[in-house]
N, C-alpha and C. Protein backbone atom coordinates (compact mmCIF):
# COMPACT_ATOMS: atom_id res chain seq x y z
N MET A 1 -60.83 -50.63 -30.91
CA MET A 1 -60.46 -50.90 -29.54
C MET A 1 -59.23 -51.80 -29.49
N LYS A 2 -59.23 -52.81 -30.36
CA LYS A 2 -58.11 -53.75 -30.37
C LYS A 2 -56.83 -53.05 -30.84
N LYS A 3 -56.97 -52.16 -31.83
CA LYS A 3 -55.80 -51.43 -32.33
C LYS A 3 -55.23 -50.52 -31.25
N ALA A 4 -56.11 -49.87 -30.49
CA ALA A 4 -55.64 -48.99 -29.43
C ALA A 4 -54.92 -49.79 -28.35
N LEU A 5 -55.43 -50.96 -28.03
CA LEU A 5 -54.79 -51.80 -27.03
C LEU A 5 -53.41 -52.26 -27.49
N VAL A 6 -53.31 -52.62 -28.76
CA VAL A 6 -52.02 -53.03 -29.32
C VAL A 6 -51.05 -51.85 -29.32
N ALA A 7 -51.53 -50.64 -29.64
CA ALA A 7 -50.67 -49.46 -29.65
C ALA A 7 -50.16 -49.14 -28.25
N VAL A 8 -51.04 -49.20 -27.27
CA VAL A 8 -50.62 -48.92 -25.88
C VAL A 8 -49.62 -49.97 -25.41
N PHE A 9 -49.86 -51.22 -25.75
CA PHE A 9 -48.94 -52.28 -25.37
C PHE A 9 -47.58 -52.08 -26.03
N GLY A 10 -47.58 -51.71 -27.31
CA GLY A 10 -46.32 -51.49 -28.02
C GLY A 10 -45.54 -50.33 -27.44
N ILE A 11 -46.22 -49.25 -27.12
CA ILE A 11 -45.55 -48.09 -26.53
C ILE A 11 -45.01 -48.44 -25.15
N SER A 12 -45.79 -49.21 -24.40
CA SER A 12 -45.30 -49.58 -23.06
C SER A 12 -44.06 -50.46 -23.15
N LEU A 13 -43.96 -51.28 -24.18
CA LEU A 13 -42.75 -52.09 -24.36
C LEU A 13 -41.54 -51.22 -24.64
N LEU A 14 -41.76 -50.09 -25.30
CA LEU A 14 -40.66 -49.19 -25.59
C LEU A 14 -40.26 -48.37 -24.37
N VAL A 15 -41.22 -48.04 -23.51
CA VAL A 15 -40.97 -47.14 -22.40
C VAL A 15 -40.54 -47.87 -21.13
N LEU A 16 -40.99 -49.10 -20.93
CA LEU A 16 -40.69 -49.82 -19.70
C LEU A 16 -39.20 -49.99 -19.41
N PRO A 17 -38.36 -50.27 -20.40
CA PRO A 17 -36.93 -50.36 -20.07
C PRO A 17 -36.36 -49.06 -19.53
N LEU A 18 -36.88 -47.93 -20.01
CA LEU A 18 -36.40 -46.65 -19.48
C LEU A 18 -36.81 -46.47 -18.04
N ILE A 19 -38.03 -46.85 -17.73
CA ILE A 19 -38.51 -46.71 -16.36
C ILE A 19 -37.72 -47.65 -15.44
N ALA A 20 -37.46 -48.86 -15.89
CA ALA A 20 -36.73 -49.82 -15.08
C ALA A 20 -35.28 -49.38 -14.87
N SER A 21 -34.68 -48.78 -15.87
CA SER A 21 -33.29 -48.34 -15.73
C SER A 21 -33.18 -47.05 -14.94
N ALA A 22 -34.31 -46.38 -14.71
CA ALA A 22 -34.28 -45.09 -14.02
C ALA A 22 -34.66 -45.24 -12.56
N GLN A 23 -34.43 -46.40 -11.98
CA GLN A 23 -34.85 -46.63 -10.60
C GLN A 23 -34.14 -45.71 -9.62
N GLY A 24 -32.87 -45.50 -9.78
CA GLY A 24 -32.14 -44.70 -8.82
C GLY A 24 -31.97 -43.26 -9.25
N THR A 25 -32.63 -42.83 -10.29
CA THR A 25 -32.43 -41.49 -10.81
C THR A 25 -33.58 -40.57 -10.41
N ASP A 26 -33.39 -39.34 -10.69
CA ASP A 26 -34.38 -38.31 -10.43
C ASP A 26 -35.60 -38.53 -11.34
N PRO A 27 -36.82 -38.32 -10.85
CA PRO A 27 -38.00 -38.49 -11.71
C PRO A 27 -38.00 -37.57 -12.92
N VAL A 28 -37.42 -36.39 -12.78
CA VAL A 28 -37.37 -35.46 -13.91
C VAL A 28 -36.49 -36.04 -15.02
N VAL A 29 -35.40 -36.67 -14.64
CA VAL A 29 -34.51 -37.29 -15.63
C VAL A 29 -35.22 -38.46 -16.30
N ALA A 30 -36.01 -39.22 -15.54
CA ALA A 30 -36.76 -40.33 -16.12
C ALA A 30 -37.77 -39.82 -17.13
N ILE A 31 -38.47 -38.74 -16.79
CA ILE A 31 -39.44 -38.15 -17.74
C ILE A 31 -38.70 -37.62 -18.95
N CYS A 32 -37.57 -37.01 -18.74
CA CYS A 32 -36.77 -36.47 -19.84
C CYS A 32 -36.32 -37.59 -20.78
N ASN A 33 -35.91 -38.73 -20.22
CA ASN A 33 -35.51 -39.87 -21.05
C ASN A 33 -36.68 -40.41 -21.85
N ILE A 34 -37.85 -40.49 -21.24
CA ILE A 34 -39.03 -40.97 -21.95
C ILE A 34 -39.38 -40.02 -23.09
N LEU A 35 -39.33 -38.71 -22.82
CA LEU A 35 -39.59 -37.72 -23.88
C LEU A 35 -38.57 -37.83 -25.00
N ASN A 36 -37.33 -38.14 -24.65
CA ASN A 36 -36.28 -38.26 -25.66
C ASN A 36 -36.53 -39.46 -26.57
N VAL A 37 -36.95 -40.59 -25.99
CA VAL A 37 -37.25 -41.77 -26.80
C VAL A 37 -38.44 -41.50 -27.71
N ILE A 38 -39.49 -40.90 -27.16
CA ILE A 38 -40.67 -40.59 -27.96
C ILE A 38 -40.32 -39.62 -29.08
N LYS A 39 -39.49 -38.61 -28.76
CA LYS A 39 -39.07 -37.64 -29.78
C LYS A 39 -38.33 -38.33 -30.91
N ASN A 40 -37.40 -39.22 -30.58
CA ASN A 40 -36.62 -39.90 -31.61
C ASN A 40 -37.49 -40.78 -32.49
N ILE A 41 -38.44 -41.49 -31.89
CA ILE A 41 -39.33 -42.36 -32.67
C ILE A 41 -40.21 -41.53 -33.59
N LEU A 42 -40.85 -40.50 -33.04
CA LEU A 42 -41.75 -39.68 -33.85
C LEU A 42 -41.00 -38.91 -34.92
N LEU A 43 -39.79 -38.48 -34.61
CA LEU A 43 -38.98 -37.77 -35.60
C LEU A 43 -38.64 -38.68 -36.78
N ALA A 44 -38.24 -39.91 -36.49
CA ALA A 44 -37.89 -40.84 -37.55
C ALA A 44 -39.11 -41.21 -38.39
N VAL A 45 -40.22 -41.52 -37.73
CA VAL A 45 -41.43 -41.91 -38.46
C VAL A 45 -41.98 -40.73 -39.26
N GLY A 46 -42.06 -39.57 -38.63
CA GLY A 46 -42.61 -38.39 -39.30
C GLY A 46 -41.78 -37.96 -40.50
N LEU A 47 -40.47 -37.92 -40.32
CA LEU A 47 -39.61 -37.53 -41.44
C LEU A 47 -39.64 -38.58 -42.55
N GLY A 48 -39.74 -39.86 -42.17
CA GLY A 48 -39.83 -40.90 -43.19
C GLY A 48 -41.08 -40.76 -44.03
N ILE A 49 -42.22 -40.52 -43.38
CA ILE A 49 -43.47 -40.33 -44.11
C ILE A 49 -43.41 -39.08 -44.98
N ALA A 50 -42.86 -37.99 -44.44
CA ALA A 50 -42.78 -36.74 -45.19
C ALA A 50 -41.89 -36.90 -46.43
N VAL A 51 -40.79 -37.62 -46.29
CA VAL A 51 -39.91 -37.82 -47.45
C VAL A 51 -40.59 -38.69 -48.50
N ILE A 52 -41.33 -39.70 -48.06
CA ILE A 52 -42.06 -40.54 -49.02
C ILE A 52 -43.10 -39.71 -49.77
N ILE A 53 -43.83 -38.85 -49.05
CA ILE A 53 -44.82 -37.99 -49.71
C ILE A 53 -44.13 -37.03 -50.67
N LEU A 54 -42.97 -36.52 -50.28
CA LEU A 54 -42.21 -35.62 -51.16
C LEU A 54 -41.78 -36.34 -52.44
N ILE A 55 -41.34 -37.57 -52.32
CA ILE A 55 -40.92 -38.35 -53.49
C ILE A 55 -42.12 -38.66 -54.38
N VAL A 56 -43.25 -39.06 -53.76
CA VAL A 56 -44.46 -39.34 -54.55
C VAL A 56 -44.91 -38.09 -55.29
N GLY A 57 -44.88 -36.94 -54.62
CA GLY A 57 -45.25 -35.69 -55.28
C GLY A 57 -44.32 -35.36 -56.43
N GLY A 58 -43.02 -35.60 -56.26
CA GLY A 58 -42.07 -35.35 -57.34
C GLY A 58 -42.29 -36.27 -58.53
N ILE A 59 -42.59 -37.53 -58.26
CA ILE A 59 -42.87 -38.47 -59.36
C ILE A 59 -44.15 -38.07 -60.08
N GLN A 60 -45.18 -37.69 -59.31
CA GLN A 60 -46.43 -37.26 -59.95
C GLN A 60 -46.22 -36.01 -60.78
N TYR A 61 -45.37 -35.11 -60.30
CA TYR A 61 -45.11 -33.88 -61.05
C TYR A 61 -44.37 -34.19 -62.36
N MET A 62 -43.41 -35.12 -62.29
CA MET A 62 -42.66 -35.46 -63.50
C MET A 62 -43.52 -36.21 -64.51
N THR A 63 -44.48 -36.98 -64.03
CA THR A 63 -45.32 -37.76 -64.95
C THR A 63 -46.63 -37.07 -65.28
N ALA A 64 -46.76 -35.80 -64.94
CA ALA A 64 -47.99 -35.07 -65.24
C ALA A 64 -48.19 -34.91 -66.74
N GLY A 65 -47.14 -34.86 -67.49
CA GLY A 65 -47.23 -34.81 -68.94
C GLY A 65 -47.94 -33.58 -69.48
N GLY A 66 -47.80 -32.46 -68.83
CA GLY A 66 -48.40 -31.23 -69.30
C GLY A 66 -49.82 -31.00 -68.82
N ASP A 67 -50.39 -31.94 -68.09
CA ASP A 67 -51.73 -31.78 -67.55
C ASP A 67 -51.66 -30.85 -66.34
N ALA A 68 -52.33 -29.71 -66.45
CA ALA A 68 -52.24 -28.69 -65.41
C ALA A 68 -52.82 -29.16 -64.07
N GLU A 69 -53.88 -29.92 -64.11
CA GLU A 69 -54.52 -30.39 -62.88
C GLU A 69 -53.62 -31.36 -62.13
N LYS A 70 -53.01 -32.30 -62.86
CA LYS A 70 -52.10 -33.25 -62.22
C LYS A 70 -50.87 -32.54 -61.65
N ALA A 71 -50.35 -31.57 -62.40
CA ALA A 71 -49.18 -30.82 -61.93
C ALA A 71 -49.54 -30.01 -60.68
N LYS A 72 -50.74 -29.44 -60.65
CA LYS A 72 -51.17 -28.66 -59.49
C LYS A 72 -51.32 -29.56 -58.26
N ALA A 73 -51.90 -30.74 -58.46
CA ALA A 73 -52.05 -31.68 -57.34
C ALA A 73 -50.68 -32.15 -56.83
N ALA A 74 -49.76 -32.41 -57.73
CA ALA A 74 -48.42 -32.84 -57.34
C ALA A 74 -47.69 -31.72 -56.61
N ARG A 75 -47.84 -30.48 -57.10
CA ARG A 75 -47.23 -29.34 -56.42
C ARG A 75 -47.79 -29.18 -55.00
N GLY A 76 -49.08 -29.43 -54.85
CA GLY A 76 -49.69 -29.38 -53.53
C GLY A 76 -49.10 -30.42 -52.59
N LEU A 77 -48.87 -31.64 -53.12
CA LEU A 77 -48.23 -32.67 -52.30
C LEU A 77 -46.83 -32.26 -51.85
N ILE A 78 -46.08 -31.69 -52.77
CA ILE A 78 -44.71 -31.28 -52.46
C ILE A 78 -44.72 -30.17 -51.40
N VAL A 79 -45.59 -29.19 -51.57
CA VAL A 79 -45.67 -28.09 -50.61
C VAL A 79 -46.10 -28.60 -49.25
N ASN A 80 -47.09 -29.50 -49.23
CA ASN A 80 -47.56 -30.04 -47.95
C ASN A 80 -46.47 -30.87 -47.26
N ALA A 81 -45.68 -31.60 -48.03
CA ALA A 81 -44.59 -32.37 -47.44
C ALA A 81 -43.53 -31.46 -46.84
N ILE A 82 -43.22 -30.37 -47.52
CA ILE A 82 -42.24 -29.42 -47.00
C ILE A 82 -42.77 -28.74 -45.73
N ILE A 83 -44.06 -28.39 -45.72
CA ILE A 83 -44.67 -27.82 -44.52
C ILE A 83 -44.63 -28.84 -43.38
N GLY A 84 -44.91 -30.09 -43.68
CA GLY A 84 -44.85 -31.14 -42.67
C GLY A 84 -43.47 -31.30 -42.08
N ILE A 85 -42.45 -31.24 -42.92
CA ILE A 85 -41.07 -31.34 -42.44
C ILE A 85 -40.75 -30.16 -41.52
N ALA A 86 -41.21 -28.96 -41.89
CA ALA A 86 -40.97 -27.79 -41.04
C ALA A 86 -41.68 -27.94 -39.69
N ILE A 87 -42.90 -28.47 -39.70
CA ILE A 87 -43.64 -28.68 -38.45
C ILE A 87 -42.95 -29.73 -37.58
N ILE A 88 -42.44 -30.79 -38.20
CA ILE A 88 -41.75 -31.83 -37.45
C ILE A 88 -40.50 -31.27 -36.76
N PHE A 89 -39.72 -30.47 -37.49
CA PHE A 89 -38.52 -29.89 -36.89
C PHE A 89 -38.88 -28.88 -35.79
N ALA A 90 -39.96 -28.13 -36.00
CA ALA A 90 -40.41 -27.18 -34.97
C ALA A 90 -40.84 -27.92 -33.71
N ALA A 91 -41.56 -29.02 -33.87
CA ALA A 91 -42.00 -29.80 -32.72
C ALA A 91 -40.80 -30.41 -31.99
N ALA A 92 -39.81 -30.87 -32.74
CA ALA A 92 -38.61 -31.43 -32.11
C ALA A 92 -37.85 -30.35 -31.34
N PHE A 93 -37.81 -29.14 -31.89
CA PHE A 93 -37.14 -28.04 -31.20
C PHE A 93 -37.89 -27.67 -29.92
N ILE A 94 -39.22 -27.62 -29.98
CA ILE A 94 -40.00 -27.28 -28.79
C ILE A 94 -39.81 -28.34 -27.71
N LEU A 95 -39.79 -29.61 -28.11
CA LEU A 95 -39.57 -30.68 -27.14
C LEU A 95 -38.16 -30.59 -26.54
N ALA A 96 -37.17 -30.26 -27.35
CA ALA A 96 -35.82 -30.09 -26.83
C ALA A 96 -35.77 -28.90 -25.87
N LEU A 97 -36.54 -27.87 -26.15
CA LEU A 97 -36.62 -26.71 -25.27
C LEU A 97 -37.22 -27.10 -23.93
N VAL A 98 -38.30 -27.88 -23.95
CA VAL A 98 -38.92 -28.33 -22.71
C VAL A 98 -37.96 -29.22 -21.92
N GLN A 99 -37.27 -30.12 -22.61
CA GLN A 99 -36.30 -30.98 -21.93
C GLN A 99 -35.18 -30.15 -21.33
N GLY A 100 -34.75 -29.12 -22.03
CA GLY A 100 -33.70 -28.25 -21.50
C GLY A 100 -34.15 -27.52 -20.25
N PHE A 101 -35.42 -27.07 -20.24
CA PHE A 101 -35.94 -26.40 -19.04
C PHE A 101 -36.10 -27.38 -17.89
N LEU A 102 -36.49 -28.62 -18.20
CA LEU A 102 -36.66 -29.61 -17.15
C LEU A 102 -35.34 -29.95 -16.47
N THR A 103 -34.29 -30.02 -17.25
CA THR A 103 -33.01 -30.45 -16.70
C THR A 103 -32.02 -29.30 -16.51
N SER A 104 -32.41 -28.10 -16.87
CA SER A 104 -31.56 -26.90 -16.77
C SER A 104 -30.23 -27.09 -17.49
N SER A 105 -30.28 -27.80 -18.62
CA SER A 105 -29.04 -28.04 -19.37
C SER A 105 -28.98 -27.24 -20.66
N GLY A 106 -29.97 -26.43 -20.94
CA GLY A 106 -29.99 -25.67 -22.17
C GLY A 106 -30.62 -26.45 -23.30
N VAL A 107 -30.71 -25.83 -24.46
CA VAL A 107 -31.37 -26.44 -25.60
C VAL A 107 -30.33 -27.08 -26.50
N SER A 108 -30.50 -28.37 -26.78
CA SER A 108 -29.62 -29.08 -27.68
C SER A 108 -30.45 -30.09 -28.45
N MET A 109 -30.54 -29.92 -29.76
CA MET A 109 -31.37 -30.82 -30.55
C MET A 109 -30.66 -32.11 -30.89
N PHE A 110 -29.34 -32.15 -30.77
CA PHE A 110 -28.60 -33.32 -31.24
C PHE A 110 -27.92 -34.11 -30.13
N GLN A 111 -28.00 -33.61 -28.89
CA GLN A 111 -27.42 -34.34 -27.77
C GLN A 111 -28.53 -34.65 -26.78
N ASN A 112 -28.30 -35.65 -25.96
CA ASN A 112 -29.29 -36.02 -24.96
C ASN A 112 -29.22 -35.02 -23.82
N PRO A 113 -30.27 -34.19 -23.63
CA PRO A 113 -30.23 -33.20 -22.56
C PRO A 113 -30.45 -33.80 -21.17
N CYS A 114 -30.76 -35.10 -21.13
CA CYS A 114 -31.09 -35.75 -19.88
C CYS A 114 -29.85 -36.18 -19.11
N GLY A 115 -28.71 -36.03 -19.67
CA GLY A 115 -27.48 -36.45 -19.00
C GLY A 115 -26.75 -37.49 -19.83
N PRO A 116 -25.61 -37.94 -19.34
CA PRO A 116 -24.82 -38.90 -20.12
C PRO A 116 -25.46 -40.27 -20.20
């Protein structure tokens, strides 16, 4: 319960400045900005974790020393990390697609679709 409360408080600290700065803007643009911040945070955290898992799997594979079981487990880690990276990019694309539909600006994964 305490962890959930801390998580909600932390997320609200990240989102409140966007809501405060969006006082005179369209609600759709405010939602789009919030989605953009959440996308950037989750993209950075998710890709960071996936790269760490990929590195750990590579180290385990190199240090397997001919043991088939260790090599198989390391290969599984590497494959799962690559699948995770693909899922993260797919989720970012879907979110960019939703933002593009919300603002009628088209799909752009590298620019802010919410406006300047």
